[in-house]
Amino acid sequence: MNKIDERTRTELEAAVFRRLVEHLRNRTDVQNIDLMNLAGFCRNCLSNWMKDAADERSVPMTKDESREAVYGMPYEEWKQRHQKEAGGEAKAVLEKTRTPH
């Protein structure tokens, strides 16, 4: 990617992010705890990173707004529609592998 100018690189990265978010919106069967256990991040992480980026640039954005940008709907609505109670094994794995980010 050294030969790509900064603007094009940013546009490509933004397109990849949008595609990832859309993919996660379509894969409501994949729970956040599953993502955390396998990859070390989840939808909430993405929304927190978006909020952090907005704060760094003094762009007004609430936590609810960043979550809605990732989930495609208010977070509480997504939880009601799609979130399932995590099993004991998944919770144990999360506690064992969780790293702060």
N, C-alpha and C. Protein backbone atom coordinates (compact mmCIF):
# COMPACT_ATOMS: atom_id res chain seq x y z
N MET A 1 0.82 -1.20 0.00
CA MET A 1 0.00 0.00 0.00
C MET A 1 0.87 1.26 0.00
N ASN A 2 2.15 1.11 -0.09
CA ASN A 2 3.03 2.28 -0.08
C ASN A 2 2.83 3.17 -1.30
N LYS A 3 2.35 2.62 -2.39
CA LYS A 3 2.20 3.40 -3.62
C LYS A 3 0.85 4.09 -3.70
N ILE A 4 -0.02 3.87 -2.73
CA ILE A 4 -1.35 4.48 -2.72
C ILE A 4 -1.29 5.77 -1.91
N ASP A 5 -1.88 6.82 -2.47
CA ASP A 5 -1.88 8.09 -1.75
C ASP A 5 -2.78 7.99 -0.51
N GLU A 6 -2.55 8.89 0.43
CA GLU A 6 -3.23 8.87 1.73
C GLU A 6 -4.75 8.93 1.60
N ARG A 7 -5.25 9.77 0.73
CA ARG A 7 -6.70 9.91 0.56
C ARG A 7 -7.31 8.60 0.05
N THR A 8 -6.67 8.00 -0.95
CA THR A 8 -7.19 6.74 -1.49
C THR A 8 -7.13 5.64 -0.43
N ARG A 9 -6.06 5.60 0.34
CA ARG A 9 -5.93 4.60 1.40
C ARG A 9 -7.06 4.76 2.41
N THR A 10 -7.33 6.00 2.79
CA THR A 10 -8.40 6.28 3.73
C THR A 10 -9.76 5.86 3.16
N GLU A 11 -9.98 6.13 1.89
CA GLU A 11 -11.24 5.74 1.24
C GLU A 11 -11.39 4.22 1.21
N LEU A 12 -10.30 3.52 0.92
CA LEU A 12 -10.33 2.05 0.91
C LEU A 12 -10.61 1.51 2.31
N GLU A 13 -9.95 2.06 3.30
CA GLU A 13 -10.17 1.63 4.67
C GLU A 13 -11.62 1.89 5.11
N ALA A 14 -12.16 3.03 4.72
CA ALA A 14 -13.55 3.34 5.05
C ALA A 14 -14.51 2.35 4.38
N ALA A 15 -14.23 2.00 3.14
CA ALA A 15 -15.07 1.03 2.43
C ALA A 15 -15.02 -0.33 3.11
N VAL A 16 -13.84 -0.72 3.56
CA VAL A 16 -13.69 -2.00 4.26
C VAL A 16 -14.46 -1.97 5.57
N PHE A 17 -14.37 -0.87 6.30
CA PHE A 17 -15.10 -0.74 7.55
C PHE A 17 -16.60 -0.84 7.31
N ARG A 18 -17.10 -0.13 6.30
CA ARG A 18 -18.54 -0.18 6.00
C ARG A 18 -18.97 -1.60 5.65
N ARG A 19 -18.13 -2.30 4.91
CA ARG A 19 -18.45 -3.68 4.53
C ARG A 19 -18.45 -4.59 5.77
N LEU A 20 -17.50 -4.41 6.66
CA LEU A 20 -17.47 -5.18 7.90
C LEU A 20 -18.72 -4.93 8.73
N VAL A 21 -19.08 -3.67 8.89
CA VAL A 21 -20.27 -3.33 9.67
C VAL A 21 -21.52 -3.94 9.04
N GLU A 22 -21.65 -3.85 7.73
CA GLU A 22 -22.81 -4.44 7.04
C GLU A 22 -22.83 -5.95 7.23
N HIS A 23 -21.68 -6.57 7.15
CA HIS A 23 -21.58 -8.02 7.36
C HIS A 23 -22.06 -8.39 8.77
N LEU A 24 -21.60 -7.64 9.77
CA LEU A 24 -22.01 -7.93 11.14
C LEU A 24 -23.49 -7.64 11.36
N ARG A 25 -24.03 -6.66 10.68
CA ARG A 25 -25.47 -6.40 10.78
C ARG A 25 -26.27 -7.57 10.22
N ASN A 26 -25.76 -8.18 9.17
CA ASN A 26 -26.46 -9.32 8.56
C ASN A 26 -26.27 -10.62 9.33
N ARG A 27 -25.21 -10.71 10.11
CA ARG A 27 -24.91 -11.93 10.86
C ARG A 27 -25.35 -11.78 12.32
N THR A 28 -26.63 -11.54 12.50
CA THR A 28 -27.16 -11.38 13.86
C THR A 28 -27.10 -12.68 14.65
N ASP A 29 -26.88 -13.79 13.96
CA ASP A 29 -26.72 -15.07 14.66
C ASP A 29 -25.40 -15.14 15.41
N VAL A 30 -24.45 -14.33 15.02
CA VAL A 30 -23.15 -14.31 15.70
C VAL A 30 -23.26 -13.31 16.85
N GLN A 31 -23.12 -13.82 18.05
CA GLN A 31 -23.25 -12.99 19.24
C GLN A 31 -21.95 -12.25 19.52
N ASN A 32 -22.05 -11.13 20.22
CA ASN A 32 -20.87 -10.35 20.56
C ASN A 32 -19.87 -11.18 21.38
N ILE A 33 -20.36 -12.01 22.28
CA ILE A 33 -19.45 -12.81 23.10
C ILE A 33 -18.67 -13.79 22.22
N ASP A 34 -19.31 -14.29 21.17
CA ASP A 34 -18.61 -15.18 20.23
C ASP A 34 -17.49 -14.43 19.54
N LEU A 35 -17.79 -13.21 19.09
CA LEU A 35 -16.77 -12.38 18.44
C LEU A 35 -15.62 -12.09 19.41
N MET A 36 -15.96 -11.75 20.65
CA MET A 36 -14.92 -11.46 21.64
C MET A 36 -14.04 -12.68 21.88
N ASN A 37 -14.68 -13.84 22.00
CA ASN A 37 -13.91 -15.05 22.29
C ASN A 37 -13.01 -15.46 21.13
N LEU A 38 -13.46 -15.22 19.92
CA LEU A 38 -12.67 -15.63 18.76
C LEU A 38 -11.70 -14.56 18.27
N ALA A 39 -12.12 -13.31 18.32
CA ALA A 39 -11.33 -12.25 17.68
C ALA A 39 -10.84 -11.17 18.64
N GLY A 40 -11.38 -11.14 19.84
CA GLY A 40 -10.95 -10.13 20.79
C GLY A 40 -11.60 -8.77 20.61
N PHE A 41 -12.62 -8.69 19.77
CA PHE A 41 -13.40 -7.46 19.61
C PHE A 41 -14.81 -7.84 19.19
N CYS A 42 -15.73 -6.89 19.35
CA CYS A 42 -17.13 -7.15 18.98
C CYS A 42 -17.74 -5.86 18.43
N ARG A 43 -19.03 -5.90 18.22
CA ARG A 43 -19.73 -4.72 17.71
C ARG A 43 -19.58 -3.53 18.65
N ASN A 44 -19.66 -3.81 19.96
CA ASN A 44 -19.52 -2.72 20.93
C ASN A 44 -18.13 -2.10 20.84
N CYS A 45 -17.12 -2.92 20.64
CA CYS A 45 -15.76 -2.39 20.48
C CYS A 45 -15.71 -1.45 19.28
N LEU A 46 -16.27 -1.87 18.16
CA LEU A 46 -16.28 -1.02 16.96
C LEU A 46 -16.96 0.31 17.25
N SER A 47 -18.10 0.25 17.94
CA SER A 47 -18.81 1.49 18.24
C SER A 47 -18.01 2.35 19.22
N ASN A 48 -17.32 1.74 20.16
CA ASN A 48 -16.47 2.51 21.08
C ASN A 48 -15.31 3.16 20.34
N TRP A 49 -14.72 2.43 19.40
CA TRP A 49 -13.61 2.98 18.61
C TRP A 49 -14.10 4.14 17.75
N MET A 50 -15.32 4.03 17.24
CA MET A 50 -15.88 5.14 16.45
C MET A 50 -16.07 6.37 17.34
N LYS A 51 -16.60 6.15 18.53
CA LYS A 51 -16.81 7.24 19.48
C LYS A 51 -15.47 7.87 19.85
N ASP A 52 -14.45 7.05 20.10
CA ASP A 52 -13.12 7.56 20.41
C ASP A 52 -12.58 8.43 19.27
N ALA A 53 -12.75 7.95 18.03
CA ALA A 53 -12.27 8.69 16.86
C ALA A 53 -13.01 10.03 16.74
N ALA A 54 -14.32 10.02 17.01
CA ALA A 54 -15.09 11.26 16.96
C ALA A 54 -14.60 12.23 18.04
N ASP A 55 -14.38 11.70 19.24
CA ASP A 55 -13.90 12.56 20.33
C ASP A 55 -12.54 13.16 19.99
N GLU A 56 -11.65 12.37 19.42
CA GLU A 56 -10.31 12.86 19.06
C GLU A 56 -10.37 13.99 18.04
N ARG A 57 -11.43 14.00 17.24
CA ARG A 57 -11.57 15.03 16.20
C ARG A 57 -12.60 16.10 16.57
N SER A 58 -13.04 16.06 17.82
CA SER A 58 -14.04 17.01 18.33
C SER A 58 -15.33 16.97 17.51
N VAL A 59 -15.69 15.77 17.04
CA VAL A 59 -16.95 15.57 16.34
C VAL A 59 -17.98 15.14 17.37
N PRO A 60 -19.08 15.90 17.50
CA PRO A 60 -20.09 15.52 18.49
C PRO A 60 -20.71 14.16 18.14
N MET A 61 -20.62 13.22 19.07
CA MET A 61 -21.22 11.91 18.89
C MET A 61 -21.41 11.28 20.26
N THR A 62 -22.62 10.82 20.50
CA THR A 62 -22.88 10.13 21.76
C THR A 62 -22.57 8.65 21.61
N LYS A 63 -22.47 7.97 22.73
CA LYS A 63 -22.27 6.52 22.72
C LYS A 63 -23.43 5.84 22.00
N ASP A 64 -24.64 6.30 22.25
CA ASP A 64 -25.81 5.72 21.58
C ASP A 64 -25.74 5.91 20.07
N GLU A 65 -25.27 7.08 19.63
CA GLU A 65 -25.14 7.34 18.20
C GLU A 65 -24.08 6.44 17.55
N SER A 66 -22.97 6.25 18.24
CA SER A 66 -21.95 5.38 17.66
C SER A 66 -22.41 3.93 17.62
N ARG A 67 -23.16 3.50 18.62
CA ARG A 67 -23.69 2.14 18.60
C ARG A 67 -24.71 1.98 17.48
N GLU A 68 -25.57 2.95 17.30
CA GLU A 68 -26.55 2.86 16.22
C GLU A 68 -25.86 2.84 14.86
N ALA A 69 -24.75 3.55 14.72
CA ALA A 69 -24.00 3.54 13.46
C ALA A 69 -23.48 2.14 13.16
N VAL A 70 -23.09 1.40 14.17
CA VAL A 70 -22.58 0.05 13.98
C VAL A 70 -23.71 -0.98 13.88
N TYR A 71 -24.66 -0.91 14.77
CA TYR A 71 -25.73 -1.90 14.82
C TYR A 71 -26.81 -1.68 13.75
N GLY A 72 -26.93 -0.46 13.25
CA GLY A 72 -27.95 -0.17 12.25
C GLY A 72 -29.32 0.08 12.86
N MET A 73 -29.36 0.17 14.17
CA MET A 73 -30.59 0.44 14.92
C MET A 73 -30.16 0.77 16.35
N PRO A 74 -31.06 1.29 17.14
CA PRO A 74 -30.69 1.54 18.54
C PRO A 74 -30.22 0.23 19.20
N TYR A 75 -29.20 0.35 20.03
CA TYR A 75 -28.59 -0.82 20.67
C TYR A 75 -29.62 -1.64 21.46
N GLU A 76 -30.48 -0.98 22.21
CA GLU A 76 -31.48 -1.71 23.00
C GLU A 76 -32.41 -2.52 22.11
N GLU A 77 -32.75 -1.97 20.95
CA GLU A 77 -33.59 -2.70 20.00
C GLU A 77 -32.85 -3.92 19.46
N TRP A 78 -31.57 -3.75 19.12
CA TRP A 78 -30.78 -4.88 18.62
C TRP A 78 -30.72 -5.98 19.68
N LYS A 79 -30.46 -5.60 20.93
CA LYS A 79 -30.37 -6.59 22.01
C LYS A 79 -31.69 -7.35 22.15
N GLN A 80 -32.78 -6.62 22.10
CA GLN A 80 -34.10 -7.25 22.24
C GLN A 80 -34.38 -8.22 21.10
N ARG A 81 -34.00 -7.84 19.89
CA ARG A 81 -34.26 -8.69 18.72
C ARG A 81 -33.30 -9.87 18.59
N HIS A 82 -32.03 -9.66 18.90
CA HIS A 82 -31.00 -10.62 18.50
C HIS A 82 -30.13 -11.21 19.60
N GLN A 83 -29.99 -10.52 20.73
CA GLN A 83 -29.06 -11.02 21.73
C GLN A 83 -29.64 -12.18 22.51
N LYS A 84 -28.82 -13.21 22.67
CA LYS A 84 -29.21 -14.39 23.44
C LYS A 84 -28.35 -14.44 24.69
N GLU A 85 -28.84 -15.11 25.71
CA GLU A 85 -28.06 -15.28 26.94
C GLU A 85 -26.86 -16.15 26.64
N ALA A 86 -25.70 -15.69 27.05
CA ALA A 86 -24.48 -16.45 26.82
C ALA A 86 -24.41 -17.62 27.80
N GLY A 87 -23.93 -18.74 27.28
CA GLY A 87 -23.77 -19.91 28.11
C GLY A 87 -22.57 -19.79 29.03
N GLY A 88 -22.52 -20.65 30.02
CA GLY A 88 -21.44 -20.63 30.99
C GLY A 88 -20.07 -20.82 30.37
N GLU A 89 -19.98 -21.70 29.37
CA GLU A 89 -18.69 -21.95 28.72
C GLU A 89 -18.20 -20.70 27.99
N ALA A 90 -19.10 -20.04 27.27
CA ALA A 90 -18.70 -18.82 26.54
C ALA A 90 -18.26 -17.74 27.53
N LYS A 91 -18.96 -17.62 28.65
CA LYS A 91 -18.59 -16.63 29.65
C LYS A 91 -17.22 -16.95 30.25
N ALA A 92 -16.96 -18.22 30.50
CA ALA A 92 -15.67 -18.63 31.07
C ALA A 92 -14.53 -18.33 30.11
N VAL A 93 -14.75 -18.60 28.82
CA VAL A 93 -13.72 -18.31 27.82
C VAL A 93 -13.46 -16.81 27.77
N LEU A 94 -14.52 -16.03 27.80
CA LEU A 94 -14.36 -14.57 27.75
C LEU A 94 -13.54 -14.08 28.93
N GLU A 95 -13.83 -14.55 30.12
CA GLU A 95 -13.09 -14.11 31.29
C GLU A 95 -11.62 -14.52 31.21
N LYS A 96 -11.37 -15.67 30.62
CA LYS A 96 -10.00 -16.18 30.51
C LYS A 96 -9.19 -15.43 29.46
N THR A 97 -9.83 -15.00 28.38
CA THR A 97 -9.11 -14.43 27.24
C THR A 97 -9.27 -12.92 27.10
N ARG A 98 -10.11 -12.31 27.87
CA ARG A 98 -10.40 -10.86 27.71
C ARG A 98 -9.13 -10.04 27.93
N THR A 99 -8.94 -9.13 27.01
CA THR A 99 -7.84 -8.18 27.13
C THR A 99 -8.40 -6.77 26.98
N PRO A 100 -7.89 -5.85 27.76
CA PRO A 100 -8.39 -4.47 27.62
C PRO A 100 -7.92 -3.86 26.30
N HIS A 101 -8.78 -3.07 25.69
CA HIS A 101 -8.40 -2.36 24.46
C HIS A 101 -9.06 -1.05 24.41
